[in-house]
Amino acid sequence: MMNLIIVESPTKAKTISRYLSRDFKVESSFGHVRDLPKYELGVNIDKDFEPHYVIPKKSRQTVKTLKELAKKSAKIILATDEDREGEAIAWHIAQALGLDAPKTSAKPRAWERIVFHEITKSAIEKALKNPRGIDQNLVDAQQARRILDRLVGYKLSPFLWQKIMRGLSAGRVQSVALRLIVEREKERRAFSPQTFWTIEIEFQKNGCRGLTENEIAVRPECLPFYAVLEKINQEPIEKPGIVEEKRADEILTDIKTADFKIISLEKKIKKRLPKPPYTTSTLQQDSFSRLGYSAKKTMVLAQQLYETGFITYMRTDSVNIASEALEKAKEFLLQNLGSKYASAAPRKFQTKSKLAQEAHEAVRPTDPSTDPEKIKYKFQNGDQEKLYRLVWQRFLASQMPEAVFEETVILISAKNKGNYELKATGLVLIFDGFLKIHPSKNQVPKKSSDAAGPEEMALPALATDEILEALKSEKVERQTKGPARYSDATLVRELEKLGIGRPSTYAPTIATIEERGYTVRDAEKRFEPTEIGEKVNEILTTHFPDVVDVDFTRRVEEDLDEIARGQKKWQPAIAEFYAPFAKNLAEKYQNVAKENMTESLDRKCPQCAKPLLIRFGRYGRFIACSGYPECKYTEALAPVSLNIKCPLCREGEIVERKTKRRRIFYGCSRWPDCDFATWRKPTGKLCPECSSPLVESGKREKCANKSCPFRSGIKKSSENKETLSS
């Protein structure tokens, strides 16, 4: 008789089948085969929160097939993922197939539970030799999370329907994430930007003016560079900078004719260590920052890479690395890059998170020698290849020497009516080390008057007391920046820092608040709360503070961790949460008035002549007839106008619009007659090079014209005053 192996994914089943003999048949359960019922609570609150599990309709044929195969099998092996969710799936399969409760007339069927961290031949063979039973502590932790989330969602969502509008939902973790997003938006609105000026001067060594680039290449001391004014009459300029334009003009006039000399030049060596291999959260953060992938997309791709055998298990908060992988990494580096790019001894990392669930490995390639360049044809799409390359680079970089930089700090005195001190800082890469295989975004030094950091500017070979010549002096207008909206990367980082959620919950939490219409993405793909999202958050923070309280939610997560370790029973943990929650909910049903979610309009319905109203919907506000449901007339609200003339037709106004997926973009009010559109918000200014509109791009402005040389971005300067306003 054959041995039946059951996993949760058909892709995983196909990959495992390649490594086993015909004595094994690998089948998929297609995820959970049992769950709480969809249209009822499914939890007996009066009977110690006993769950009532059912086999969903979509899983009935799968369970029937697995039962038939199980009858014909000598042994049944449950090989679902090794985390809490995977353990629970294995337990539910065992329950659905009757593995733990055979009929008295039948013999108990032999079954085992195996786990592995990567889908490779050696890992599977090792797991088959070391079976174990189901870890009930992990199952209980997953059950507790599922029941808690069901109690909150099933009990609190109808409250929102009654007090606000139907179709809303609340969740134990999603509501905290929404609160973070809404509070950040309030901080942004409360922030008052302050205009200030910096004085920046482009210098060159005296006697070097007029040299060509080729001539400068053989005379490195003649390389032009920028310095920023830092002190006036020995007093540092207070942050944010010079706040009066008149004062900035006076300083600029005086400093233009000053004598410039280097008063200090300091060089020192700086080393940068590689980062640990990825955990779930750092993978999601880097994937967004480098590739622009959402947390949800990242985890879908990572799941595919894991199930096809390219990377290790992708849900982990550990940075531990198996010794075999360390040896293979060093072997690859020695053979392909040479000894100077391979660390003398394996570099191991300590997991910082006190809340790490299980002793998993970090996310790494299953075979470090599998260069993504050589296996492009094996990936299903380019996105898979890009994410694999990211994982591969990060892991190999972790086993390479540190990068070495020479940092140079130049202080320059300028004397005229006033005494001034300017500073230039640069960083030159001496040895790339791990950066050779895993470059940073700001790795290559370059000349720039608006450098974001010292890595972005290379300084010439100069010496103390050298005389400098000012090639260009300017005052640059800037504004203080308020807090940025959360992105996938920063929201995941914040949730992890606060102890909210776990590796398996970050992506679905973010996806849920988007799907509910509580947030939209702005031009930078960051989260902006919608009106209905802010209203839901207001109700929850006012009347259910525990549900959205960070400390309270973290304590619940800690309880779940203790359950997983066998240090706490799941029923008392749920009871501790539910008793005060249920009491408060009952009181709020009586005491909280229904929100008025409409606004009156001085217009009549064109169909029935009843007054028109502005109503709230899941996707924002819209105009509707007050006679609903008898009259179903609706119309869209006029889009928000920015009081900027359309740069294409010069007739319409730039307005804010939304795609079908509710992502904001900016277009002409005369659409479809004019098809001007851009993802980024226009500033109202024109590009000085090609007269196309300038759009916002973080701390910079850039030209909307893709072929313009200013496409990469220019400084926000007071010199560019031409606007698109009417």
Foldseek 3Di string as FASTA:
>chain_A
DAEEEEEADPLLQVQLVVLDDPSYHYYHQVAAQKDADDPDLQFDVVPLRDGHIDGDPVRPVVLVVVLVVLVVHQEYEYEYEDALRRLLRSVRSCVSSVQVPDDPVDDRRHYWYFYFFFSDNVRVVVRVVPTDHRQVLSPQLVVLQRSLFSCQFVQVQVVCCFFENPLFTDGLQLLLLLLVQVVQVVLQVPDDKAKAKKKKFKWFFPPLPPDDPVRCVVVLSGDIAMWTWADWQNHGADPPGHRDVVVVVVVLVFQQPWWKFWADKDKDKDWDAADFFAALLVLQQVCCVPVVDFSQRSVVLLVSCRSNRFKTDRFWQFRADDPVQQVQLQVLCCVPPNDQQFDPDFDGDGRPDPLTQDPHHHIATPGLNPALVVCVVVDPDPVSSVSSLQNSLSNSLNRTGIWMKMKMKIWMWTDGPIIIIIIAIAIGTDGCRSCVRVPDPLQPADHDSPDPDRDPHDHGDDDGGGTMHTPDMDMFMAIDHTDDAAASSRSSVVCVVLQADGSVVSRVSVVVCLVQQQWAAALSRGTHGAPVVVVVSVVCCVQPVLSNPSVNNNVLSVQSSCSSVVNDRSSVSSVVPVPVVVVSSVVCSVPPHRDDQKAWDPAADPPPRATWIWGADSNGIWIAGPPPPVDGDTGGDQFAFPQFADQPPRPFTWGWDADPSGYIKIDGPPPPVDGDIGRFAFPFFADPFPRATWGDDPRFIAGPDPPDPRRVTDHNGPVRDHGRHD
